[in-house]
Each structure stands twice: as structure tokens, then as C-alpha cells.
Amino acid sequence: MSICQHCGVASERPFIREDEAFCCERCYLRWVSLKEAYRRADAASRGTIQVLVAALDARECETQRHSERVAQYTRSLAEMMDVKGDTLEELCRGALLHDIGKIGVPDAILLKSTALTEEEWTVMKKHPEFGRQILSGVEYLQPAAEIVFAHEERFDGSGYPQGLQGNQIPVGARIFAVMDALDAMAFDRPYREALPFDAIVSEIFKGSGSQFDPVVVEVFRAHVPAFAEWIHRDQHEPCETPHWSI
């Protein structure tokens, strides 16, 4: 006779869960059902993210790879800063979806190969708000939506759309900002070629305290060799298919 560790009822035929907890048949079946429900909900949520990123990729052919790389780099830097659990997952989803608001920017502006006019920049700067609006209807993505809304803020308060400064900016957005700049400079863009890695590192260090959180920059500084290796890998062995690990 064993005692169910969940409900306390004695059972002649105990069941053992994956976490090695003893339970009665009723509690075991309830646990299996709940586990399956969580699995289905997680799969549906990941499917939502795939659809959103695919929709943006349909307009900008480079966006999906950029978004995926930035999400992976952001995960690595966040883990170096001891970010864990749900907070880490929410940060990575925000990084992956950071540019989703560009769906609301007209093609004539988004795909323009020359410099934007002041009026066009005014529209472009609305994409963080567009992104938050797009994600606002998905409860699962609410924490990510706040990172999306803040991803263009700068540590010195000169960013947009709210002009947040220092710790007013969500920590996830501050971590993301360094990795977004890293990726933007490490890969070719329509308006310029990729920069040498040493020049990229120099620019990130130069932006400490102005564009970037100095604490985040110092963690990056301590792990520059690892990021150099990952950038070199992704430059020479580009991912042909997305790894939907967020």
C-alpha cells in the first residue's frame, strides 16, 4: 500500500510519474492529460510564431535569417547573464519577433534602397507600436510584445518610440540591442557590406552607455571569442532552414 504524493489517498497499485512521484491511478491519468494539454498549447504557440515570422519574411527575404540569428545570439548572451526559465523564453520570443511590426510599414518605405525622407522615417519609427498591436491579441506573447515595443530604445534615452532611458528599458530589450547591432554589422545589407569583426566589437564598445547598457556590454566583452566563433560559423555556413527552438 502506497500513499499518493499528490492527493494523499492510499493506493494498492501506485503509478510513478516521470518526476519519480508516486500517485494513484486517478492522479496519474490527470497528470498525463494535463501534460498533453500543455504539449498541444506549446505546439500551437510555436505555430503562431512561425506564421508571424513567415509573414514578415514574405516581404523582406533577409528578415527571417536575421531574426533567427539574433534570437539565438540573444539567448546565448542572456544565459551568460544568468537569465533563466520563463524570462529567458519570453526574451527569445521577443528577439525573434522584434521586427514583426514592419508588416504595417508600406513597401515603398520598407523596401526603399535609398535614404528615407523625414516623413518616411516618421512612418518607419511606428513599427515597434505596430508590433505590439499585432501581438496584443495573443496572451502567450504579451511579455514578448513589451520587448518588441522597446527594441528601438537607447540606453541614453535617444531611442524611440518612448525615449526610455537606462533601467526604464526592459532588461530583455537591453540585451537584445547589443545582439541586434552585432548581427546588423556582421552580415551584408543592401546599403553596405559586412564589417570586419574587430570593427564590430569596437563599435559595440563605443556605444556603451549611449546606445547600449554598459553592464550588457561588459558581459559581451567577456565572451567576445565565443561570439566571434558563432558569427564566423553563420557567415560561412548559413542556415538554409529555420530552427524553431524559441
C-alpha atoms as a PDB file:
ATOM      1  CA  MET A   1       0.000   0.000   0.000  1.00  0.00           C
ATOM      2  CA  SER A   2       1.429   3.374  -1.048  1.00  0.00           C
ATOM      3  CA  ILE A   3       0.290   6.922  -0.394  1.00  0.00           C
ATOM      4  CA  CYS A   4      -0.357   9.166  -3.399  1.00  0.00           C
ATOM      5  CA  GLN A   5       2.052  12.088  -3.132  1.00  0.00           C
ATOM      6  CA  HIS A   6      -0.476  14.305  -4.869  1.00  0.00           C
ATOM      7  CA  CYS A   7      -3.804  13.700  -3.126  1.00  0.00           C
ATOM      8  CA  GLY A   8      -2.710  11.635  -0.095  1.00  0.00           C
ATOM      9  CA  VAL A   9      -5.014   8.694  -0.842  1.00  0.00           C
ATOM     10  CA  ALA A  10      -3.706   5.179  -0.200  1.00  0.00           C
ATOM     11  CA  SER A  11      -3.346   3.062  -3.345  1.00  0.00           C
ATOM     12  CA  GLU A  12      -2.572  -0.620  -3.778  1.00  0.00           C
ATOM     13  CA  ARG A  13      -1.322  -0.017  -7.311  1.00  0.00           C
ATOM     14  CA  PRO A  14       0.862   3.124  -7.306  1.00  0.00           C
ATOM     15  CA  PHE A  15       1.861   4.828 -10.526  1.00  0.00           C
ATOM     16  CA  ILE A  16       5.256   6.503 -10.931  1.00  0.00           C
ATOM     17  CA  ARG A  17       5.461   9.729 -12.920  1.00  0.00           C
ATOM     18  CA  GLU A  18       8.493  10.882 -14.907  1.00  0.00           C
ATOM     19  CA  ASP A  19       9.495  13.072 -11.952  1.00  0.00           C
ATOM     20  CA  GLU A  20       9.515   9.856  -9.814  1.00  0.00           C
ATOM     21  CA  ALA A  21       6.496  10.941  -7.789  1.00  0.00           C
ATOM     22  CA  PHE A  22       4.182   8.152  -6.572  1.00  0.00           C
ATOM     23  CA  CYS A  23       0.496   8.713  -7.241  1.00  0.00           C
ATOM     24  CA  CYS A  24      -2.798   6.906  -7.534  1.00  0.00           C
ATOM     25  CA  GLU A  25      -4.295   5.964 -10.883  1.00  0.00           C
ATOM     26  CA  ARG A  26      -6.704   8.896 -10.887  1.00  0.00           C
ATOM     27  CA  CYS A  27      -3.962  11.486 -10.260  1.00  0.00           C
ATOM     28  CA  TYR A  28      -1.650   9.792 -12.736  1.00  0.00           C
ATOM     29  CA  LEU A  29      -4.215   9.955 -15.539  1.00  0.00           C
ATOM     30  CA  ARG A  30      -4.969  13.584 -14.685  1.00  0.00           C
ATOM     31  CA  TRP A  31      -1.249  14.373 -14.845  1.00  0.00           C
ATOM     32  CA  VAL A  32      -0.912  12.638 -18.256  1.00  0.00           C
ATOM     33  CA  SER A  33      -3.908  14.580 -19.578  1.00  0.00           C
ATOM     34  CA  LEU A  34      -2.541  17.896 -18.307  1.00  0.00           C
ATOM     35  CA  LYS A  35       0.888  17.181 -19.766  1.00  0.00           C
ATOM     36  CA  GLU A  36      -0.666  16.506 -23.170  1.00  0.00           C
ATOM     37  CA  ALA A  37      -2.688  19.717 -22.951  1.00  0.00           C
ATOM     38  CA  TYR A  38       0.489  21.695 -22.254  1.00  0.00           C
ATOM     39  CA  ARG A  39       2.192  19.991 -25.196  1.00  0.00           C
ATOM     40  CA  ARG A  40      -0.628  20.912 -27.559  1.00  0.00           C
ATOM     41  CA  ALA A  41      -0.738  24.505 -26.304  1.00  0.00           C
ATOM     42  CA  ASP A  42       3.015  24.861 -26.740  1.00  0.00           C
ATOM     43  CA  ALA A  43       2.857  23.455 -30.275  1.00  0.00           C
ATOM     44  CA  ALA A  44       0.060  25.858 -31.163  1.00  0.00           C
ATOM     45  CA  SER A  45       2.001  28.793 -29.745  1.00  0.00           C
ATOM     46  CA  ARG A  46       5.129  27.885 -31.687  1.00  0.00           C
ATOM     47  CA  GLY A  47       2.984  27.595 -34.794  1.00  0.00           C
ATOM     48  CA  THR A  48       1.721  31.138 -34.209  1.00  0.00           C
ATOM     49  CA  ILE A  49       5.298  32.417 -34.070  1.00  0.00           C
ATOM     50  CA  GLN A  50       6.212  30.561 -37.265  1.00  0.00           C
ATOM     51  CA  VAL A  51       3.274  32.125 -39.094  1.00  0.00           C
ATOM     52  CA  LEU A  52       4.159  35.640 -37.892  1.00  0.00           C
ATOM     53  CA  VAL A  53       7.824  35.394 -38.868  1.00  0.00           C
ATOM     54  CA  ALA A  54       6.947  33.768 -42.200  1.00  0.00           C
ATOM     55  CA  ALA A  55       4.567  36.651 -42.945  1.00  0.00           C
ATOM     56  CA  LEU A  56       7.372  39.151 -42.412  1.00  0.00           C
ATOM     57  CA  ASP A  57       9.845  37.031 -44.372  1.00  0.00           C
ATOM     58  CA  ALA A  58       7.478  37.125 -47.337  1.00  0.00           C
ATOM     59  CA  ARG A  59       8.207  40.870 -47.580  1.00  0.00           C
ATOM     60  CA  GLU A  60      11.876  41.007 -46.588  1.00  0.00           C
ATOM     61  CA  CYS A  61      13.858  37.974 -47.740  1.00  0.00           C
ATOM     62  CA  GLU A  62      16.667  38.590 -45.218  1.00  0.00           C
ATOM     63  CA  THR A  63      14.481  39.206 -42.181  1.00  0.00           C
ATOM     64  CA  GLN A  64      13.833  35.612 -41.134  1.00  0.00           C
ATOM     65  CA  ARG A  65      17.501  34.657 -41.013  1.00  0.00           C
ATOM     66  CA  HIS A  66      18.387  37.898 -39.260  1.00  0.00           C
ATOM     67  CA  SER A  67      15.601  37.401 -36.723  1.00  0.00           C
ATOM     68  CA  GLU A  68      16.540  33.800 -36.072  1.00  0.00           C
ATOM     69  CA  ARG A  69      20.237  34.585 -35.660  1.00  0.00           C
ATOM     70  CA  VAL A  70      19.505  37.495 -33.326  1.00  0.00           C
ATOM     71  CA  ALA A  71      17.197  35.312 -31.243  1.00  0.00           C
ATOM     72  CA  GLN A  72      19.911  32.662 -30.873  1.00  0.00           C
ATOM     73  CA  TYR A  73      22.638  35.201 -30.062  1.00  0.00           C
ATOM     74  CA  THR A  74      20.290  36.887 -27.587  1.00  0.00           C
ATOM     75  CA  ARG A  75      19.607  33.562 -25.888  1.00  0.00           C
ATOM     76  CA  SER A  76      23.341  32.955 -25.506  1.00  0.00           C
ATOM     77  CA  LEU A  77      24.059  36.402 -24.061  1.00  0.00           C
ATOM     78  CA  ALA A  78      21.049  36.194 -21.725  1.00  0.00           C
ATOM     79  CA  GLU A  79      22.229  32.817 -20.431  1.00  0.00           C
ATOM     80  CA  MET A  80      25.654  34.366 -19.799  1.00  0.00           C
ATOM     81  CA  MET A  81      23.811  36.924 -17.657  1.00  0.00           C
ATOM     82  CA  ASP A  82      22.081  34.091 -15.765  1.00  0.00           C
ATOM     83  CA  VAL A  83      18.620  34.747 -17.253  1.00  0.00           C
ATOM     84  CA  LYS A  84      16.623  31.533 -16.891  1.00  0.00           C
ATOM     85  CA  GLY A  85      13.244  29.872 -17.188  1.00  0.00           C
ATOM     86  CA  ASP A  86      10.186  31.683 -18.497  1.00  0.00           C
ATOM     87  CA  THR A  87      12.025  35.012 -18.544  1.00  0.00           C
ATOM     88  CA  LEU A  88      14.588  33.580 -20.948  1.00  0.00           C
ATOM     89  CA  GLU A  89      11.941  32.092 -23.233  1.00  0.00           C
ATOM     90  CA  GLU A  90       9.957  35.337 -23.294  1.00  0.00           C
ATOM     91  CA  LEU A  91      13.113  37.268 -24.161  1.00  0.00           C
ATOM     92  CA  CYS A  92      13.931  34.907 -27.022  1.00  0.00           C
ATOM     93  CA  ARG A  93      10.422  35.150 -28.446  1.00  0.00           C
ATOM     94  CA  GLY A  94      10.658  38.940 -28.302  1.00  0.00           C
ATOM     95  CA  ALA A  95      14.010  38.829 -30.110  1.00  0.00           C
ATOM     96  CA  LEU A  96      12.638  36.551 -32.826  1.00  0.00           C
ATOM     97  CA  LEU A  97       9.583  38.756 -33.360  1.00  0.00           C
ATOM     98  CA  HIS A  98      11.266  42.149 -32.882  1.00  0.00           C
ATOM     99  CA  ASP A  99      10.608  43.389 -36.422  1.00  0.00           C
ATOM    100  CA  ILE A 100       7.109  41.956 -36.814  1.00  0.00           C
ATOM    101  CA  GLY A 101       5.678  45.487 -36.784  1.00  0.00           C
ATOM    102  CA  LYS A 102       7.307  46.155 -40.152  1.00  0.00           C
ATOM    103  CA  ILE A 103       4.350  44.271 -41.624  1.00  0.00           C
ATOM    104  CA  GLY A 104       2.494  47.542 -41.078  1.00  0.00           C
ATOM    105  CA  VAL A 105       5.061  49.646 -42.959  1.00  0.00           C
ATOM    106  CA  PRO A 106       4.295  50.280 -46.677  1.00  0.00           C
ATOM    107  CA  ASP A 107       6.526  48.502 -49.207  1.00  0.00           C
ATOM    108  CA  ALA A 108       7.555  51.825 -50.715  1.00  0.00           C
ATOM    109  CA  ILE A 109       9.233  52.674 -47.409  1.00  0.00           C
ATOM    110  CA  LEU A 110      10.268  49.263 -46.115  1.00  0.00           C
ATOM    111  CA  LEU A 111      11.940  48.137 -49.353  1.00  0.00           C
ATOM    112  CA  LYS A 112      13.346  51.502 -50.416  1.00  0.00           C
ATOM    113  CA  SER A 113      17.002  51.201 -51.450  1.00  0.00           C
ATOM    114  CA  THR A 114      17.858  54.867 -50.924  1.00  0.00           C
ATOM    115  CA  ALA A 115      17.764  57.062 -47.828  1.00  0.00           C
ATOM    116  CA  LEU A 116      14.357  57.644 -46.259  1.00  0.00           C
ATOM    117  CA  THR A 117      12.879  61.118 -46.102  1.00  0.00           C
ATOM    118  CA  GLU A 118      11.926  62.651 -42.763  1.00  0.00           C
ATOM    119  CA  GLU A 119       8.286  61.798 -43.402  1.00  0.00           C
ATOM    120  CA  GLU A 120       9.180  58.207 -44.293  1.00  0.00           C
ATOM    121  CA  TRP A 121      11.235  57.853 -41.125  1.00  0.00           C
ATOM    122  CA  THR A 122       8.242  59.011 -39.135  1.00  0.00           C
ATOM    123  CA  VAL A 123       6.282  56.069 -40.533  1.00  0.00           C
ATOM    124  CA  MET A 124       9.164  53.617 -40.096  1.00  0.00           C
ATOM    125  CA  LYS A 125       9.529  54.585 -36.444  1.00  0.00           C
ATOM    126  CA  LYS A 126       5.990  53.386 -35.819  1.00  0.00           C
ATOM    127  CA  HIS A 127       6.951  49.734 -36.344  1.00  0.00           C
ATOM    128  CA  PRO A 128       7.548  48.985 -32.622  1.00  0.00           C
ATOM    129  CA  GLU A 129       3.999  50.135 -31.873  1.00  0.00           C
ATOM    130  CA  PHE A 130       2.659  48.185 -34.857  1.00  0.00           C
ATOM    131  CA  GLY A 131       4.468  45.118 -33.495  1.00  0.00           C
ATOM    132  CA  ARG A 132       2.955  45.475 -30.052  1.00  0.00           C
ATOM    133  CA  GLN A 133      -0.505  45.864 -31.595  1.00  0.00           C
ATOM    134  CA  ILE A 134      -0.059  42.728 -33.696  1.00  0.00           C
ATOM    135  CA  LEU A 135       0.977  40.639 -30.678  1.00  0.00           C
ATOM    136  CA  SER A 136      -1.501  42.183 -28.246  1.00  0.00           C
ATOM    137  CA  GLY A 137      -4.224  39.699 -29.135  1.00  0.00           C
ATOM    138  CA  VAL A 138      -2.080  36.673 -28.209  1.00  0.00           C
ATOM    139  CA  GLU A 139      -1.908  36.314 -24.428  1.00  0.00           C
ATOM    140  CA  TYR A 140       1.064  33.944 -24.663  1.00  0.00           C
ATOM    141  CA  LEU A 141       3.072  36.668 -26.433  1.00  0.00           C
ATOM    142  CA  GLN A 142       2.337  39.601 -24.101  1.00  0.00           C
ATOM    143  CA  PRO A 143       5.804  39.607 -22.457  1.00  0.00           C
ATOM    144  CA  ALA A 144       7.425  39.355 -25.891  1.00  0.00           C
ATOM    145  CA  ALA A 145       5.258  42.255 -27.081  1.00  0.00           C
ATOM    146  CA  GLU A 146       6.836  44.546 -24.475  1.00  0.00           C
ATOM    147  CA  ILE A 147      10.313  43.687 -25.780  1.00  0.00           C
ATOM    148  CA  VAL A 148       9.132  44.295 -29.337  1.00  0.00           C
ATOM    149  CA  PHE A 149       7.773  47.693 -28.281  1.00  0.00           C
ATOM    150  CA  ALA A 150      11.072  48.674 -26.604  1.00  0.00           C
ATOM    151  CA  HIS A 151      13.618  47.211 -29.011  1.00  0.00           C
ATOM    152  CA  GLU A 152      14.493  50.569 -30.634  1.00  0.00           C
ATOM    153  CA  GLU A 153      15.069  52.366 -27.331  1.00  0.00           C
ATOM    154  CA  ARG A 154      18.616  53.511 -26.480  1.00  0.00           C
ATOM    155  CA  PHE A 155      20.275  53.488 -23.076  1.00  0.00           C
ATOM    156  CA  ASP A 156      20.832  57.270 -23.127  1.00  0.00           C
ATOM    157  CA  GLY A 157      17.174  57.983 -23.898  1.00  0.00           C
ATOM    158  CA  SER A 158      17.650  58.960 -27.545  1.00  0.00           C
ATOM    159  CA  GLY A 159      15.744  55.986 -28.958  1.00  0.00           C
ATOM    160  CA  TYR A 160      12.085  55.556 -29.832  1.00  0.00           C
ATOM    161  CA  PRO A 161       9.099  55.328 -29.533  1.00  0.00           C
ATOM    162  CA  GLN A 162       9.032  56.379 -25.853  1.00  0.00           C
ATOM    163  CA  GLY A 163      12.523  57.758 -25.303  1.00  0.00           C
ATOM    164  CA  LEU A 164      13.094  55.395 -22.366  1.00  0.00           C
ATOM    165  CA  GLN A 165      16.407  55.678 -20.545  1.00  0.00           C
ATOM    166  CA  GLY A 166      18.610  53.280 -18.581  1.00  0.00           C
ATOM    167  CA  ASN A 167      16.730  50.791 -16.458  1.00  0.00           C
ATOM    168  CA  GLN A 168      13.408  52.118 -17.733  1.00  0.00           C
ATOM    169  CA  ILE A 169      14.093  49.928 -20.760  1.00  0.00           C
ATOM    170  CA  PRO A 170      13.140  46.264 -20.149  1.00  0.00           C
ATOM    171  CA  VAL A 171      16.290  44.249 -19.491  1.00  0.00           C
ATOM    172  CA  GLY A 172      15.377  41.889 -22.340  1.00  0.00           C
ATOM    173  CA  ALA A 173      15.376  44.788 -24.787  1.00  0.00           C
ATOM    174  CA  ARG A 174      18.750  45.957 -23.445  1.00  0.00           C
ATOM    175  CA  ILE A 175      20.279  42.513 -24.009  1.00  0.00           C
ATOM    176  CA  PHE A 176      18.673  42.252 -27.437  1.00  0.00           C
ATOM    177  CA  ALA A 177      20.007  45.674 -28.525  1.00  0.00           C
ATOM    178  CA  VAL A 178      23.636  44.537 -28.348  1.00  0.00           C
ATOM    179  CA  MET A 179      22.961  41.345 -30.287  1.00  0.00           C
ATOM    180  CA  ASP A 180      20.872  43.135 -32.908  1.00  0.00           C
ATOM    181  CA  ALA A 181      23.733  45.552 -33.550  1.00  0.00           C
ATOM    182  CA  LEU A 182      26.197  42.657 -33.702  1.00  0.00           C
ATOM    183  CA  ASP A 183      24.182  40.851 -36.365  1.00  0.00           C
ATOM    184  CA  ALA A 184      23.381  44.008 -38.324  1.00  0.00           C
ATOM    185  CA  MET A 185      27.071  44.820 -38.714  1.00  0.00           C
ATOM    186  CA  ALA A 186      28.253  41.225 -39.271  1.00  0.00           C
ATOM    187  CA  PHE A 187      26.157  40.491 -42.370  1.00  0.00           C
ATOM    188  CA  ASP A 188      25.749  42.221 -45.725  1.00  0.00           C
ATOM    189  CA  ARG A 189      22.880  44.669 -46.095  1.00  0.00           C
ATOM    190  CA  PRO A 190      21.575  46.291 -49.304  1.00  0.00           C
ATOM    191  CA  TYR A 191      23.216  49.580 -48.310  1.00  0.00           C
ATOM    192  CA  ARG A 192      26.630  48.242 -47.134  1.00  0.00           C
ATOM    193  CA  GLU A 193      28.836  45.184 -46.810  1.00  0.00           C
ATOM    194  CA  ALA A 194      29.507  43.379 -43.548  1.00  0.00           C
ATOM    195  CA  LEU A 195      32.146  44.923 -41.293  1.00  0.00           C
ATOM    196  CA  PRO A 196      35.258  43.084 -40.019  1.00  0.00           C
ATOM    197  CA  PHE A 197      34.617  41.511 -36.626  1.00  0.00           C
ATOM    198  CA  ASP A 198      37.182  43.693 -34.849  1.00  0.00           C
ATOM    199  CA  ALA A 199      35.415  46.791 -36.156  1.00  0.00           C
ATOM    200  CA  ILE A 200      32.066  45.441 -34.947  1.00  0.00           C
ATOM    201  CA  VAL A 201      33.414  44.847 -31.455  1.00  0.00           C
ATOM    202  CA  SER A 202      34.915  48.332 -31.416  1.00  0.00           C
ATOM    203  CA  GLU A 203      31.569  49.901 -32.374  1.00  0.00           C
ATOM    204  CA  ILE A 204      29.721  47.995 -29.639  1.00  0.00           C
ATOM    205  CA  PHE A 205      32.268  49.054 -27.033  1.00  0.00           C
ATOM    206  CA  LYS A 206      31.992  52.639 -28.289  1.00  0.00           C
ATOM    207  CA  GLY A 207      28.216  52.514 -27.819  1.00  0.00           C
ATOM    208  CA  SER A 208      28.432  51.503 -24.155  1.00  0.00           C
ATOM    209  CA  GLY A 209      26.470  53.997 -22.070  1.00  0.00           C
ATOM    210  CA  SER A 210      24.875  55.676 -25.056  1.00  0.00           C
ATOM    211  CA  GLN A 211      23.210  53.112 -27.298  1.00  0.00           C
ATOM    212  CA  PHE A 212      23.841  50.131 -25.042  1.00  0.00           C
ATOM    213  CA  ASP A 213      23.607  49.172 -21.379  1.00  0.00           C
ATOM    214  CA  PRO A 214      27.221  49.144 -20.039  1.00  0.00           C
ATOM    215  CA  VAL A 215      26.515  46.047 -17.940  1.00  0.00           C
ATOM    216  CA  VAL A 216      25.387  44.101 -21.004  1.00  0.00           C
ATOM    217  CA  VAL A 217      28.385  45.320 -22.996  1.00  0.00           C
ATOM    218  CA  GLU A 218      30.759  44.109 -20.277  1.00  0.00           C
ATOM    219  CA  VAL A 219      29.246  40.618 -20.380  1.00  0.00           C
ATOM    220  CA  PHE A 220      29.635  40.665 -24.157  1.00  0.00           C
ATOM    221  CA  ARG A 221      33.246  41.830 -23.748  1.00  0.00           C
ATOM    222  CA  ALA A 222      33.990  38.822 -21.538  1.00  0.00           C
ATOM    223  CA  HIS A 223      32.711  36.414 -24.208  1.00  0.00           C
ATOM    224  CA  VAL A 224      33.915  38.037 -27.437  1.00  0.00           C
ATOM    225  CA  PRO A 225      35.795  34.891 -28.619  1.00  0.00           C
ATOM    226  CA  ALA A 226      32.618  32.803 -28.424  1.00  0.00           C
ATOM    227  CA  PHE A 227      30.614  35.336 -30.435  1.00  0.00           C
ATOM    228  CA  ALA A 228      33.424  35.601 -32.985  1.00  0.00           C
ATOM    229  CA  GLU A 229      33.213  31.847 -33.496  1.00  0.00           C
ATOM    230  CA  TRP A 230      29.424  31.892 -33.900  1.00  0.00           C
ATOM    231  CA  ILE A 231      29.486  34.797 -36.333  1.00  0.00           C
ATOM    232  CA  HIS A 232      32.173  33.094 -38.419  1.00  0.00           C
ATOM    233  CA  ARG A 233      30.102  29.897 -38.469  1.00  0.00           C
ATOM    234  CA  ASP A 234      26.925  31.673 -39.571  1.00  0.00           C
ATOM    235  CA  GLN A 235      28.739  33.716 -42.216  1.00  0.00           C
ATOM    236  CA  HIS A 236      30.248  30.635 -43.825  1.00  0.00           C
ATOM    237  CA  GLU A 237      27.581  28.040 -43.107  1.00  0.00           C
ATOM    238  CA  PRO A 238      24.273  29.930 -43.418  1.00  0.00           C
ATOM    239  CA  CYS A 239      21.228  28.148 -42.102  1.00  0.00           C
ATOM    240  CA  GLU A 240      19.013  27.091 -45.000  1.00  0.00           C
ATOM    241  CA  THR A 241      16.059  26.119 -42.835  1.00  0.00           C
ATOM    242  CA  PRO A 242      14.823  27.769 -39.629  1.00  0.00           C
ATOM    243  CA  HIS A 243      15.473  26.118 -36.271  1.00  0.00           C
ATOM    244  CA  TRP A 244      12.239  26.946 -34.453  1.00  0.00           C
ATOM    245  CA  SER A 245      13.730  26.481 -30.969  1.00  0.00           C
ATOM    246  CA  ILE A 246      12.243  29.621 -29.436  1.00  0.00           C
END
